[in-house]
Protein backbone atom coordinates (compact mmCIF):
# COMPACT_ATOMS: atom_id res chain seq x y z
CA UNK A 1 66.43 173.59 155.16
CA UNK A 2 68.68 170.77 154.01
CA UNK A 3 69.25 172.40 150.55
CA UNK A 4 70.24 175.87 152.15
CA UNK A 5 72.74 173.57 154.22
CA UNK A 6 74.53 171.70 151.58
CA UNK A 7 72.16 168.55 152.00
CA UNK A 8 72.83 168.55 155.75
CA UNK A 9 69.86 168.44 158.51
CA UNK A 10 69.60 167.68 161.85
CA UNK A 11 67.21 164.82 163.01
CA UNK A 12 65.57 167.32 165.35
CA UNK A 13 64.95 169.98 162.48
CA UNK A 14 63.49 167.16 160.21
CA UNK A 15 60.96 166.06 162.84
CA UNK A 16 59.89 169.54 163.42
CA UNK A 17 59.44 169.96 159.81
CA UNK A 18 56.77 167.18 160.00
CA UNK A 19 58.80 163.90 159.02
CA UNK A 20 58.33 160.98 161.41
CA UNK A 21 60.77 158.81 162.85
CA UNK A 22 59.44 155.88 160.77
CA UNK A 23 60.15 158.06 157.52
CA UNK A 24 63.65 158.95 158.43
CA UNK A 25 64.45 155.36 159.37
CA UNK A 26 63.16 154.23 156.13
CA UNK A 27 65.38 156.85 154.33
CA UNK A 28 68.29 155.63 155.96
CA UNK A 29 67.67 151.89 155.55
CA UNK A 30 66.95 152.26 151.74
CA UNK A 31 70.37 154.09 151.27
CA UNK A 32 68.60 157.45 150.14
CA UNK A 33 69.88 159.43 152.92
CA UNK A 34 72.93 158.91 155.20
CA UNK A 35 73.78 159.53 159.00
CA UNK A 36 77.56 160.51 159.34
CA UNK A 37 77.17 161.29 162.96
CA UNK A 38 74.66 161.04 165.87
CA UNK A 39 71.50 163.11 165.23
CA UNK A 40 72.50 164.28 161.67
CA UNK A 41 71.41 163.37 158.22
CA UNK A 42 72.80 163.80 154.74
CA UNK A 43 69.94 164.02 152.10
CA UNK A 44 71.78 162.11 149.49
CA UNK A 45 73.46 158.68 148.82
CA UNK A 46 76.92 159.76 147.45
CA UNK A 47 80.20 160.53 148.96
CA UNK A 48 80.05 163.04 151.78
CA UNK A 49 82.26 166.07 151.09
CA UNK A 50 84.56 167.91 153.45
CA UNK A 51 82.12 170.87 153.53
CA UNK A 52 79.08 168.63 154.54
CA UNK A 53 81.15 167.00 157.29
CA UNK A 54 81.77 170.41 158.68
CA UNK A 55 77.97 171.04 158.41
CA UNK A 56 77.34 167.94 160.05
CA UNK A 57 79.64 168.83 163.08
CA UNK A 58 77.70 172.01 163.77
CA UNK A 59 74.45 170.65 163.33
CA UNK A 60 75.31 167.62 165.70
CA UNK A 61 76.35 169.83 168.50
CA UNK A 62 73.36 172.04 167.96
CA UNK A 63 72.07 175.65 168.64
CA UNK A 64 74.95 178.29 169.38
CA UNK A 65 77.83 175.94 167.99
CA UNK A 66 80.11 177.62 165.27
CA UNK A 67 82.94 176.22 163.11
CA UNK A 68 86.29 177.81 164.30
CA UNK A 69 90.02 177.70 163.46
CA UNK A 70 90.86 175.97 160.26
CA UNK A 71 87.33 174.71 159.84
CA UNK A 72 86.06 178.25 159.67
CA UNK A 73 88.83 179.70 157.90
CA UNK A 74 88.51 177.14 154.98
CA UNK A 75 85.12 178.48 154.10
CA UNK A 76 86.49 181.87 153.92
CA UNK A 77 89.21 180.93 151.33
CA UNK A 78 92.39 180.23 153.40
CA UNK A 79 94.50 177.81 151.30
CA UNK A 80 96.78 175.25 152.67
CA UNK A 81 95.52 174.42 156.10
CA UNK A 82 92.37 172.16 155.44
CA UNK A 83 91.97 168.58 155.84
CA UNK A 84 91.81 168.17 159.39
CA UNK A 85 88.95 167.21 161.81
CA UNK A 86 86.09 169.56 162.22
CA UNK A 87 86.72 172.15 164.87
CA UNK A 88 83.45 173.37 166.70
CA UNK A 89 83.46 176.26 169.23
CA UNK A 90 80.71 176.53 171.94
CA UNK A 91 80.21 178.80 175.00
CA UNK A 92 82.68 178.09 177.74
CA UNK A 93 79.72 177.49 180.07
CA UNK A 94 78.19 174.76 177.87
CA UNK A 95 78.67 170.98 178.48
CA UNK A 96 79.02 169.00 175.14
CA UNK A 97 79.72 165.23 174.99
CA UNK A 98 82.58 164.16 172.73
CA UNK A 99 81.89 163.27 169.07
CA UNK A 100 84.08 160.90 166.80
CA UNK A 101 86.01 163.30 164.14
CA UNK A 102 84.90 166.70 166.04
CA UNK A 103 87.27 168.70 168.11
CA UNK A 104 85.13 170.79 170.79
CA UNK A 105 86.51 173.93 172.11
CA UNK A 106 85.02 176.27 174.49
CA UNK A 107 85.19 180.05 174.40
CA UNK A 108 84.12 183.01 176.31
CA UNK A 109 84.49 185.40 173.31
CA UNK A 110 81.50 184.19 170.72
CA UNK A 111 79.99 187.60 170.20
CA UNK A 112 79.37 189.67 167.03
CA UNK A 113 82.96 190.83 167.16
CA UNK A 114 83.99 187.29 166.79
CA UNK A 115 81.40 185.35 164.81
CA UNK A 116 79.77 186.19 161.53
CA UNK A 117 76.14 186.96 162.28
CA UNK A 118 74.57 185.57 159.10
CA UNK A 119 77.13 183.39 157.12
CA UNK A 120 76.46 179.82 156.50
CA UNK A 121 77.70 177.54 157.98
CA UNK A 122 77.98 179.56 161.38
CA UNK A 123 81.72 180.21 161.99
CA UNK A 124 84.05 182.68 163.47
CA UNK A 125 85.20 185.62 161.41
CA UNK A 126 88.37 184.95 159.46
CA UNK A 127 90.73 187.29 161.61
CA UNK A 128 89.58 185.43 164.73
CA UNK A 129 89.74 181.92 162.80
CA UNK A 130 93.51 182.80 162.14
CA UNK A 131 94.55 183.88 165.48
CA UNK A 132 92.91 180.63 166.89
CA UNK A 133 94.79 178.59 164.61
CA UNK A 134 98.14 180.09 165.57
CA UNK A 135 97.50 179.68 169.24
CA UNK A 136 96.29 176.07 168.71
CA UNK A 137 99.19 175.21 166.19
CA UNK A 138 101.17 171.91 167.13
CA UNK A 139 104.45 173.95 167.16
CA UNK A 140 105.80 177.70 166.55
CA UNK A 141 106.55 177.22 162.82
CA UNK A 142 103.10 176.22 161.95
CA UNK A 143 101.82 179.18 164.04
CA UNK A 144 103.97 181.52 162.11
CA UNK A 145 103.02 180.07 158.88
CA UNK A 146 99.39 180.48 159.39
CA UNK A 147 99.71 184.18 160.06
CA UNK A 148 102.07 184.83 157.09
CA UNK A 149 99.73 182.64 154.96
CA UNK A 150 96.62 184.61 155.86
CA UNK A 151 98.25 188.00 155.07
CA UNK A 152 100.11 186.55 152.09
CA UNK A 153 96.99 185.51 150.50
CA UNK A 154 95.57 188.94 151.08
CA UNK A 155 92.42 187.45 153.16
CA UNK A 156 93.29 189.77 156.30
CA UNK A 157 95.44 192.49 157.23
CA UNK A 158 97.90 192.70 160.04
CA UNK A 159 95.88 195.38 161.53
CA UNK A 160 92.89 193.17 161.71
CA UNK A 161 94.70 190.33 163.29
CA UNK A 162 96.16 192.75 165.88
CA UNK A 163 92.72 193.72 166.79
CA UNK A 164 91.73 190.20 167.69
CA UNK A 165 94.77 189.49 169.72
CA UNK A 166 94.00 192.84 171.69
CA UNK A 167 90.40 191.98 172.24
CA UNK A 168 90.99 188.41 173.38
CA UNK A 169 93.48 189.28 176.21
CA UNK A 170 96.04 186.67 177.14
CA UNK A 171 96.12 183.51 175.04
CA UNK A 172 98.64 180.60 174.15
CA UNK A 173 101.74 181.94 172.16
CA UNK A 174 100.58 185.58 172.83
CA UNK A 175 104.28 186.91 172.48
CA UNK A 176 105.04 184.72 169.09
CA UNK A 177 101.89 185.98 167.60
CA UNK A 178 102.41 189.54 168.41
CA UNK A 179 106.13 189.48 167.54
CA UNK A 180 105.09 187.53 164.10
CA UNK A 181 102.58 190.42 163.30
CA UNK A 182 105.14 192.90 163.84
CA UNK A 183 107.42 191.32 161.25
CA UNK A 184 104.52 191.07 158.79
CA UNK A 185 103.87 194.53 159.29
CA UNK A 186 107.21 195.47 158.33
CA UNK A 187 106.79 193.95 155.09
CA UNK A 188 107.81 190.15 155.59
CA UNK A 189 105.17 188.18 153.88
CA UNK A 190 106.43 184.78 154.41
CA UNK A 191 107.73 182.71 157.19
CA UNK A 192 111.00 182.48 155.34
CA UNK A 193 111.39 186.28 155.32
CA UNK A 194 110.50 186.43 159.03
CA UNK A 195 113.21 183.59 159.72
CA UNK A 196 115.72 185.53 157.82
CA UNK A 197 115.05 188.78 159.60
CA UNK A 198 115.74 187.09 162.78
CA UNK A 199 119.07 185.95 161.30
CA UNK A 200 120.30 189.16 160.48
CA UNK A 201 119.38 190.70 163.82
CA UNK A 202 120.93 187.76 165.77
CA UNK A 203 124.15 187.59 163.90
CA UNK A 204 124.98 191.16 163.35
CA UNK A 205 124.29 191.23 159.59
CA UNK A 206 123.22 194.63 157.88
CA UNK A 207 119.70 195.11 157.09
CA UNK A 208 118.72 194.38 153.57
CA UNK A 209 116.19 195.37 151.29
CA UNK A 210 113.52 192.95 150.74
CA UNK A 211 111.50 192.33 147.55
CA UNK A 212 112.89 195.20 145.70
CA UNK A 213 112.28 195.12 141.96
CA UNK A 214 115.39 195.51 139.80
CA UNK A 215 116.15 195.27 136.00
CA UNK A 216 117.89 192.10 134.98
CA UNK A 217 118.49 191.09 131.39
CA UNK A 218 115.52 193.38 130.21
CA UNK A 219 113.15 192.06 132.68
CA UNK A 220 111.76 193.38 135.89
CA UNK A 221 112.32 190.94 138.82
CA UNK A 222 111.57 190.86 142.60
CA UNK A 223 114.44 189.80 144.69
CA UNK A 224 113.80 188.08 148.07
CA UNK A 225 116.68 189.59 149.99
CA UNK A 226 119.13 192.26 148.37
CA UNK A 227 122.23 193.98 149.90
CA UNK A 228 122.29 196.81 147.26
CA UNK A 229 125.70 198.27 148.55
CA UNK A 230 127.70 194.98 148.28
CA UNK A 231 125.64 193.70 145.32
CA UNK A 232 124.90 190.55 147.25
CA UNK A 233 121.52 188.69 146.41
CA UNK A 234 119.92 186.04 148.89
CA UNK A 235 117.48 183.75 147.32
CA UNK A 236 115.09 181.80 149.58
CA UNK A 237 113.60 178.81 148.15
CA UNK A 238 110.24 178.16 149.98
CA UNK A 239 109.23 174.91 148.51
CA UNK A 240 110.57 171.28 147.55
CA UNK A 241 108.60 171.01 144.32
CA UNK A 242 108.29 173.76 141.65
CA UNK A 243 106.41 173.88 138.38
CA UNK A 244 108.96 173.80 135.56
CA UNK A 245 107.90 177.20 134.25
CA UNK A 246 108.68 178.38 137.83
CA UNK A 247 111.92 176.64 137.83
CA UNK A 248 113.14 178.05 134.51
CA UNK A 249 111.88 181.68 135.57
CA UNK A 250 114.08 181.18 138.73
CA UNK A 251 117.10 180.06 136.65
CA UNK A 252 116.73 182.90 134.23
CA UNK A 253 116.37 185.56 136.75
CA UNK A 254 119.59 184.19 138.66
CA UNK A 255 121.45 183.91 135.56
CA UNK A 256 120.72 187.55 134.54
CA UNK A 257 122.01 188.69 138.09
CA UNK A 258 124.98 186.78 137.61
CA UNK A 259 125.68 188.63 134.50
CA UNK A 260 125.43 191.80 136.15
CA UNK A 261 127.80 191.02 138.69
CA UNK A 262 125.55 190.25 141.42
CA UNK A 263 126.70 187.39 144.08
CA UNK A 264 123.90 185.07 144.62
CA UNK A 265 123.27 182.68 147.66
CA UNK A 266 120.40 180.50 147.78
CA UNK A 267 119.10 178.49 150.69
CA UNK A 268 116.02 176.39 151.09
CA UNK A 269 113.66 177.69 153.99
CA UNK A 270 114.28 174.62 156.07
CA UNK A 271 118.11 175.38 156.42
CA UNK A 272 117.15 178.98 157.78
CA UNK A 273 115.26 177.27 160.50
CA UNK A 274 117.63 174.37 161.19
CA UNK A 275 121.12 175.89 160.63
CA UNK A 276 120.75 179.64 160.98
CA UNK A 277 124.56 180.10 162.01
CA UNK A 278 125.60 178.48 158.40
CA UNK A 279 123.27 180.96 156.79
CA UNK A 280 124.68 183.77 158.75
CA UNK A 281 128.25 183.01 158.08
CA UNK A 282 127.96 182.47 154.52
CA UNK A 283 126.07 185.53 153.93
CA UNK A 284 128.71 187.40 155.94
CA UNK A 285 131.52 185.76 153.94
CA UNK A 286 130.01 187.09 150.81
CA UNK A 287 129.46 190.67 152.09
CA UNK A 288 133.02 190.80 153.30
CA UNK A 289 134.35 189.71 149.93
CA UNK A 290 132.31 192.76 148.52
CA UNK A 291 133.77 195.16 151.21
CA UNK A 292 131.53 195.01 154.01
CA UNK A 293 133.01 195.51 157.47
CA UNK A 294 131.22 194.27 160.51
CA UNK A 295 130.60 196.40 163.67
CA UNK A 296 132.78 194.77 166.37
C-alpha cells in the first residue's frame, strides 16, 4: 500500500495490515520511517517530497478526502502554481480538525463529475481544480492568470471550464471567471492579451489582430497585437527575465519589422495593469500618426 502511495501510509492502514503499534514506534525511533503529520507515516528516512506531503495530507484527513485546487492541479501537469500548502476537500457535512500545513475546504460538489474516480492521489478533476483556484485566488489578476495558464498550457479547454462554472452555480468571482473565459474563448491566451483587449474597449481603440503570422526578414513570426491597416505593431513583454536566445529572437523580429516600415511599441505586462491610460494614449498617438481617425 505504501509503495502505491509514493511511500506514504496511514497509521490505521498499517495496523489493519498486521503491524503492531510497537513495530511502528520502533520504525520511527530508529529513523527508518518518519511521521510528517498526525496519523501518517513515510516509509523512508530521506527528504520528504512535495508529492509525499500531498499524499500525507489526504491520508491524514482520511476516507472521502481529496486534493483540490493547486494541490490537485499540480499532479495533472499545471505549471507555475505549486509550492503552497496542501489543499484538501471534504464533504460539506463533515467536521475535520485543523492540521498544520493543510488547508481544509468543504464542498457540496464532490461527485464523479468533479472528482477522478480512480486517479492517485485522489483529487478533483483538472477543470474543477482550475476553477477552484480562480475562485480562491488572493486577487483578481491571480484568478485571471490561472485560467489563462491552464488554457495556454493546453491542459483544459474553455468549454470544459465553462461546464464546471455552470454546474457549480454561484461561486466567488463568478462574473470575473465567466468574463475571462469569454476572452479566452475569443482567442486571448494570456492575461496580457486580456488586459490589452480591455484597454482597447475602454479607450475606444480599433480592434487589432492578435497573434497573426507575418513574413519579416525571410522568417515567419507571430505578432502580439497588429493594427494592419496602419502598420502599427504592439509587443507585450510577459516576463522580467528572458533567456538570451529568446531575447535575441525578439530583437531580430523587431528589427525586421522596423525595416518593413512597421511602427513598433513595446509594453511590459505590468504597465498594462497599472497604467492602462498611458498605454492607450501612446497606441492612439501611433495610430493617428499613421492615419487613424478615432470615432468621436
